């Protein structure tokens, strides 16, 4: 069995924010297939929609350029508008 990058524990409860996204058909099919694989590995039904948030979070957490830009932005002085 393959080791999935997304840990089933990543599906933690958090206050959800509703977003509508458009996915290419190939990405949607892969998302459905990923949910099927995860379900077969965990023995529990997996909602493909619940995978999107943790997948995006993992992607952003492992994107070095994004992390660097975010650190740089957090160090910059913030202007306060009133």
Protein backbone atom coordinates (compact mmCIF):
# COMPACT_ATOMS: atom_id res chain seq x y z
CA UNK A 1 0.00 0.00 0.00
CA UNK A 2 1.29 3.46 -0.92
CA UNK A 3 1.93 6.08 1.74
CA UNK A 4 -0.36 9.01 1.01
CA UNK A 5 1.00 12.51 1.54
CA UNK A 6 -2.22 13.60 3.21
CA UNK A 7 -2.56 12.27 6.72
CA UNK A 8 -6.13 11.29 7.64
CA UNK A 9 -5.56 13.20 10.88
CA UNK A 10 -5.30 16.35 8.77
CA UNK A 11 -9.06 16.24 8.40
CA UNK A 12 -9.42 17.89 11.80
CA UNK A 13 -12.45 19.94 12.66
CA UNK A 14 -11.91 23.63 12.19
CA UNK A 15 -14.34 26.45 11.61
CA UNK A 16 -15.09 26.03 7.92
CA UNK A 17 -15.29 28.86 5.44
CA UNK A 18 -17.38 28.20 2.36
CA UNK A 19 -15.69 28.83 -0.98
CA UNK A 20 -16.73 27.94 -4.47
CA UNK A 21 -13.95 26.78 -6.76
CA UNK A 22 -13.78 25.60 -10.34
CA UNK A 23 -11.64 22.53 -10.86
CA UNK A 24 -10.48 21.12 -14.15
CA UNK A 25 -12.18 17.80 -14.85
CA UNK A 26 -8.90 15.92 -14.51
CA UNK A 27 -8.28 17.42 -11.06
CA UNK A 28 -11.81 16.52 -9.96
CA UNK A 29 -11.34 12.93 -11.14
CA UNK A 30 -8.02 12.72 -9.30
CA UNK A 31 -9.64 14.15 -6.16
CA UNK A 32 -12.35 11.48 -6.31
CA UNK A 33 -9.72 8.79 -6.86
CA UNK A 34 -7.64 10.12 -3.93
CA UNK A 35 -10.70 9.96 -1.68
CA UNK A 36 -11.29 6.36 -2.80
CA UNK A 37 -7.69 5.38 -2.05
CA UNK A 38 -7.79 7.07 1.35
CA UNK A 39 -11.10 5.35 2.13
CA UNK A 40 -9.63 1.96 1.26
CA UNK A 41 -6.60 2.64 3.47
CA UNK A 42 -8.55 3.94 6.46
CA UNK A 43 -11.66 1.81 6.11
CA UNK A 44 -13.79 4.95 6.46
CA UNK A 45 -15.77 6.87 3.87
CA UNK A 46 -13.94 10.05 2.81
CA UNK A 47 -15.75 13.08 1.40
CA UNK A 48 -13.61 14.45 -1.46
CA UNK A 49 -14.68 18.01 -0.58
CA UNK A 50 -13.15 17.57 2.88
CA UNK A 51 -9.76 16.81 1.30
CA UNK A 52 -9.36 20.11 -0.52
CA UNK A 53 -8.54 22.24 2.55
CA UNK A 54 -5.90 19.89 3.99
CA UNK A 55 -4.39 19.40 0.52
CA UNK A 56 -4.07 23.14 0.00
CA UNK A 57 -2.68 23.59 3.52
CA UNK A 58 -0.04 20.92 2.89
CA UNK A 59 0.85 22.44 -0.46
CA UNK A 60 1.32 25.91 1.04
CA UNK A 61 3.23 24.53 4.04
CA UNK A 62 5.75 22.86 1.73
CA UNK A 63 6.12 25.75 -0.74
CA UNK A 64 9.42 27.35 0.26
CA UNK A 65 8.93 30.48 -1.85
CA UNK A 66 5.53 31.08 -0.25
CA UNK A 67 6.89 30.60 3.27
CA UNK A 68 9.77 32.97 2.56
CA UNK A 69 7.48 35.64 1.10
CA UNK A 70 5.15 35.30 4.07
CA UNK A 71 8.01 35.69 6.56
CA UNK A 72 9.28 38.73 4.68
CA UNK A 73 5.80 40.29 4.66
CA UNK A 74 5.32 39.66 8.37
CA UNK A 75 8.59 41.48 9.17
CA UNK A 76 7.69 44.56 7.13
CA UNK A 77 6.31 47.47 9.12
CA UNK A 78 2.54 47.58 8.83
CA UNK A 79 0.81 50.87 8.26
CA UNK A 80 -2.31 51.52 10.29
CA UNK A 81 -5.11 53.23 8.44
CA UNK A 82 -7.80 55.05 10.36
